[in-house]
N, C-alpha and C. Protein backbone atom coordinates (compact mmCIF):
# COMPACT_ATOMS: atom_id res chain seq x y z
N MET A 1 0.86 -1.16 0.00
CA MET A 1 0.00 0.00 0.00
C MET A 1 0.91 1.23 0.00
N LYS A 2 0.73 2.10 -0.95
CA LYS A 2 1.54 3.31 -1.10
C LYS A 2 0.85 4.49 -0.44
N ALA A 3 1.62 5.30 0.27
CA ALA A 3 1.08 6.54 0.85
C ALA A 3 0.82 7.51 -0.29
N LEU A 4 -0.41 7.99 -0.39
CA LEU A 4 -0.79 8.86 -1.49
C LEU A 4 -1.00 10.31 -1.08
N ALA A 5 -1.26 10.55 0.20
CA ALA A 5 -1.57 11.90 0.67
C ALA A 5 -1.00 12.13 2.05
N SER A 6 -0.77 13.40 2.37
CA SER A 6 -0.36 13.77 3.72
C SER A 6 -1.59 13.85 4.60
N VAL A 7 -1.56 13.10 5.70
CA VAL A 7 -2.72 13.04 6.59
C VAL A 7 -2.26 13.04 8.05
N THR A 8 -3.21 13.34 8.94
CA THR A 8 -2.93 13.26 10.37
C THR A 8 -4.05 12.49 11.06
N ALA A 9 -3.72 12.00 12.24
CA ALA A 9 -4.72 11.37 13.12
C ALA A 9 -4.27 11.64 14.54
N GLY A 10 -5.21 12.00 15.40
CA GLY A 10 -4.91 12.26 16.79
C GLY A 10 -4.75 13.73 17.09
N SER A 11 -4.14 14.03 18.24
CA SER A 11 -3.96 15.42 18.67
C SER A 11 -2.71 15.52 19.54
N LEU A 12 -2.39 16.73 19.92
CA LEU A 12 -1.26 16.98 20.80
C LEU A 12 -1.71 17.19 22.24
N GLU A 13 -2.92 16.77 22.55
CA GLU A 13 -3.43 16.85 23.91
C GLU A 13 -2.68 15.85 24.79
N SER A 14 -2.69 16.09 26.08
CA SER A 14 -2.07 15.18 27.03
C SER A 14 -2.70 13.79 26.90
N SER A 15 -1.90 12.76 26.98
CA SER A 15 -2.31 11.36 26.88
C SER A 15 -2.82 10.98 25.49
N ASP A 16 -2.43 11.73 24.46
CA ASP A 16 -2.79 11.39 23.09
C ASP A 16 -1.51 11.37 22.26
N VAL A 17 -1.66 11.12 20.99
CA VAL A 17 -0.53 11.08 20.07
C VAL A 17 -1.00 11.61 18.72
N LEU A 18 -0.17 12.42 18.08
CA LEU A 18 -0.46 12.93 16.74
C LEU A 18 0.42 12.18 15.75
N ILE A 19 -0.23 11.50 14.81
CA ILE A 19 0.47 10.75 13.77
C ILE A 19 0.31 11.51 12.46
N THR A 20 1.42 11.77 11.78
CA THR A 20 1.40 12.40 10.47
C THR A 20 2.07 11.45 9.48
N VAL A 21 1.36 11.11 8.41
CA VAL A 21 1.91 10.26 7.35
C VAL A 21 2.04 11.14 6.11
N THR A 22 3.26 11.19 5.57
CA THR A 22 3.56 12.00 4.40
C THR A 22 4.16 11.11 3.32
N PRO A 23 3.71 11.24 2.07
CA PRO A 23 4.30 10.43 1.00
C PRO A 23 5.77 10.76 0.75
N LEU A 24 6.53 9.75 0.37
CA LEU A 24 7.93 9.90 -0.05
C LEU A 24 8.05 9.39 -1.48
N GLU A 25 9.02 9.89 -2.20
CA GLU A 25 9.28 9.41 -3.56
C GLU A 25 9.83 7.99 -3.54
N GLU A 26 10.69 7.71 -2.56
CA GLU A 26 11.32 6.40 -2.46
C GLU A 26 10.33 5.36 -1.92
N GLU A 27 10.61 4.10 -2.19
CA GLU A 27 9.75 3.01 -1.74
C GLU A 27 10.15 2.51 -0.36
N ARG A 28 10.42 3.40 0.55
CA ARG A 28 10.82 3.02 1.90
C ARG A 28 9.89 3.72 2.90
N VAL A 29 10.02 3.34 4.15
CA VAL A 29 9.28 4.01 5.21
C VAL A 29 10.29 4.63 6.17
N GLU A 30 10.11 5.91 6.42
CA GLU A 30 10.98 6.66 7.32
C GLU A 30 10.19 6.95 8.59
N TYR A 31 10.84 6.81 9.74
CA TYR A 31 10.18 7.01 11.02
C TYR A 31 10.81 8.17 11.78
N VAL A 32 9.97 9.06 12.30
CA VAL A 32 10.41 10.15 13.17
C VAL A 32 9.56 10.03 14.44
N ILE A 33 10.24 9.78 15.57
CA ILE A 33 9.53 9.57 16.83
C ILE A 33 9.90 10.68 17.82
N GLU A 34 8.89 11.37 18.33
CA GLU A 34 9.06 12.35 19.40
C GLU A 34 8.12 11.95 20.52
N SER A 35 8.60 12.01 21.75
CA SER A 35 7.75 11.61 22.87
C SER A 35 8.23 12.26 24.16
N ILE A 36 7.29 12.60 25.03
CA ILE A 36 7.65 13.12 26.34
C ILE A 36 8.15 11.99 27.24
N VAL A 37 7.93 10.76 26.83
CA VAL A 37 8.39 9.60 27.60
C VAL A 37 9.35 8.74 26.77
N ILE A 38 10.15 9.40 25.93
CA ILE A 38 11.05 8.67 25.01
C ILE A 38 12.04 7.80 25.76
N GLN A 39 12.53 8.26 26.91
CA GLN A 39 13.50 7.47 27.68
C GLN A 39 12.91 6.15 28.16
N GLN A 40 11.66 6.17 28.60
CA GLN A 40 11.03 4.97 29.13
C GLN A 40 10.42 4.08 28.03
N PHE A 41 9.79 4.69 27.04
CA PHE A 41 8.99 3.92 26.08
C PHE A 41 9.35 4.12 24.62
N GLY A 42 10.44 4.82 24.33
CA GLY A 42 10.82 5.10 22.95
C GLY A 42 10.98 3.87 22.08
N LYS A 43 11.65 2.85 22.61
CA LYS A 43 11.86 1.63 21.83
C LYS A 43 10.53 0.94 21.51
N ARG A 44 9.63 0.90 22.49
CA ARG A 44 8.33 0.26 22.27
C ARG A 44 7.49 1.05 21.27
N ILE A 45 7.50 2.38 21.35
CA ILE A 45 6.76 3.21 20.41
C ILE A 45 7.26 2.95 19.00
N ARG A 46 8.56 2.91 18.82
CA ARG A 46 9.14 2.66 17.49
C ARG A 46 8.78 1.26 17.00
N ARG A 47 8.88 0.26 17.88
CA ARG A 47 8.57 -1.12 17.49
C ARG A 47 7.11 -1.25 17.03
N VAL A 48 6.19 -0.66 17.79
CA VAL A 48 4.77 -0.72 17.43
C VAL A 48 4.53 0.00 16.09
N THR A 49 5.16 1.16 15.91
CA THR A 49 5.00 1.93 14.67
C THR A 49 5.51 1.14 13.47
N GLU A 50 6.69 0.56 13.59
CA GLU A 50 7.25 -0.23 12.49
C GLU A 50 6.39 -1.46 12.20
N GLU A 51 5.95 -2.13 13.26
CA GLU A 51 5.13 -3.33 13.11
C GLU A 51 3.83 -3.02 12.36
N MET A 52 3.17 -1.94 12.73
CA MET A 52 1.89 -1.62 12.09
C MET A 52 2.08 -1.20 10.62
N ALA A 53 3.16 -0.48 10.33
CA ALA A 53 3.43 -0.09 8.94
C ALA A 53 3.71 -1.33 8.09
N GLN A 54 4.48 -2.27 8.65
CA GLN A 54 4.79 -3.50 7.93
C GLN A 54 3.54 -4.34 7.71
N GLN A 55 2.70 -4.46 8.74
CA GLN A 55 1.47 -5.25 8.61
C GLN A 55 0.55 -4.67 7.55
N ALA A 56 0.53 -3.35 7.42
CA ALA A 56 -0.32 -2.70 6.42
C ALA A 56 0.31 -2.74 5.03
N GLY A 57 1.59 -3.10 4.96
CA GLY A 57 2.29 -3.12 3.68
C GLY A 57 2.58 -1.72 3.17
N LEU A 58 2.73 -0.79 4.07
CA LEU A 58 2.94 0.61 3.70
C LEU A 58 4.32 0.82 3.09
N THR A 59 4.37 1.57 1.99
CA THR A 59 5.63 1.94 1.34
C THR A 59 5.57 3.41 0.96
N GLY A 60 6.73 3.98 0.71
CA GLY A 60 6.79 5.36 0.25
C GLY A 60 6.19 6.35 1.22
N ALA A 61 6.60 6.29 2.49
CA ALA A 61 5.97 7.16 3.50
C ALA A 61 6.93 7.57 4.60
N ARG A 62 6.67 8.74 5.16
CA ARG A 62 7.33 9.18 6.39
C ARG A 62 6.24 9.19 7.46
N ILE A 63 6.50 8.49 8.56
CA ILE A 63 5.57 8.47 9.68
C ILE A 63 6.19 9.27 10.81
N HIS A 64 5.51 10.34 11.18
CA HIS A 64 5.97 11.22 12.26
C HIS A 64 5.05 11.01 13.45
N VAL A 65 5.62 10.54 14.55
CA VAL A 65 4.87 10.25 15.77
C VAL A 65 5.22 11.33 16.79
N GLN A 66 4.21 12.07 17.26
CA GLN A 66 4.40 13.08 18.30
C GLN A 66 3.56 12.63 19.50
N ASP A 67 4.20 11.92 20.39
CA ASP A 67 3.51 11.29 21.53
C ASP A 67 3.48 12.21 22.74
N ARG A 68 2.34 12.25 23.39
CA ARG A 68 2.15 13.02 24.62
C ARG A 68 1.73 12.11 25.77
N GLY A 69 2.29 10.89 25.77
CA GLY A 69 1.99 9.96 26.85
C GLY A 69 0.80 9.06 26.59
N ALA A 70 0.54 8.76 25.32
CA ALA A 70 -0.60 7.92 24.95
C ALA A 70 -0.37 6.47 25.35
N LEU A 71 -1.45 5.79 25.65
CA LEU A 71 -1.39 4.34 25.87
C LEU A 71 -1.14 3.65 24.53
N GLU A 72 -0.65 2.42 24.58
CA GLU A 72 -0.35 1.69 23.35
C GLU A 72 -1.59 1.49 22.48
N CYS A 73 -2.73 1.26 23.08
CA CYS A 73 -3.95 1.06 22.30
C CYS A 73 -4.31 2.34 21.53
N THR A 74 -4.05 3.49 22.12
CA THR A 74 -4.30 4.77 21.44
C THR A 74 -3.31 4.95 20.29
N LEU A 75 -2.04 4.64 20.53
CA LEU A 75 -1.03 4.72 19.48
C LEU A 75 -1.41 3.84 18.30
N ARG A 76 -1.83 2.61 18.58
CA ARG A 76 -2.22 1.69 17.51
C ARG A 76 -3.43 2.20 16.72
N ALA A 77 -4.41 2.74 17.43
CA ALA A 77 -5.62 3.26 16.76
C ALA A 77 -5.27 4.44 15.86
N ARG A 78 -4.43 5.35 16.36
CA ARG A 78 -4.05 6.53 15.57
C ARG A 78 -3.22 6.11 14.34
N LEU A 79 -2.31 5.17 14.53
CA LEU A 79 -1.51 4.69 13.40
C LEU A 79 -2.39 4.04 12.33
N GLU A 80 -3.29 3.17 12.75
CA GLU A 80 -4.18 2.51 11.80
C GLU A 80 -4.98 3.52 11.01
N THR A 81 -5.52 4.51 11.70
CA THR A 81 -6.34 5.55 11.04
C THR A 81 -5.50 6.33 10.03
N ALA A 82 -4.32 6.80 10.45
CA ALA A 82 -3.49 7.61 9.57
C ALA A 82 -3.02 6.82 8.35
N ILE A 83 -2.61 5.58 8.55
CA ILE A 83 -2.16 4.76 7.42
C ILE A 83 -3.30 4.54 6.43
N GLU A 84 -4.48 4.21 6.92
CA GLU A 84 -5.62 4.00 6.02
C GLU A 84 -6.01 5.28 5.29
N ARG A 85 -6.02 6.40 5.99
CA ARG A 85 -6.36 7.68 5.34
C ARG A 85 -5.36 8.03 4.26
N SER A 86 -4.09 7.80 4.52
CA SER A 86 -3.05 8.15 3.55
C SER A 86 -3.17 7.33 2.27
N ALA A 87 -3.49 6.09 2.40
CA ALA A 87 -3.58 5.20 1.22
C ALA A 87 -4.90 5.34 0.48
N ALA A 88 -5.93 5.84 1.14
CA ALA A 88 -7.26 5.90 0.54
C ALA A 88 -7.47 7.10 -0.36
N ARG A 89 -6.61 8.08 -0.29
CA ARG A 89 -6.83 9.31 -1.06
C ARG A 89 -6.25 9.25 -2.44
């Protein structure tokens, strides 16, 4: 699934996460992770983000994660929404 449009899902409110998916010319996926809890959960946030992109078969995209302390279920929901929105346009 190729990223076709720049989209967002979520917010920058406390306990939420803002996911931005932007198309890239190359057939790779680039990850940018920002988090207020990067020291404690940065590796897990990256692992979940990479796993969901791979499961969706996403290519040609930059995924920017701006975490404000979201639970993993929230991160997964926002990622799923953003990936689907990006490919559907």
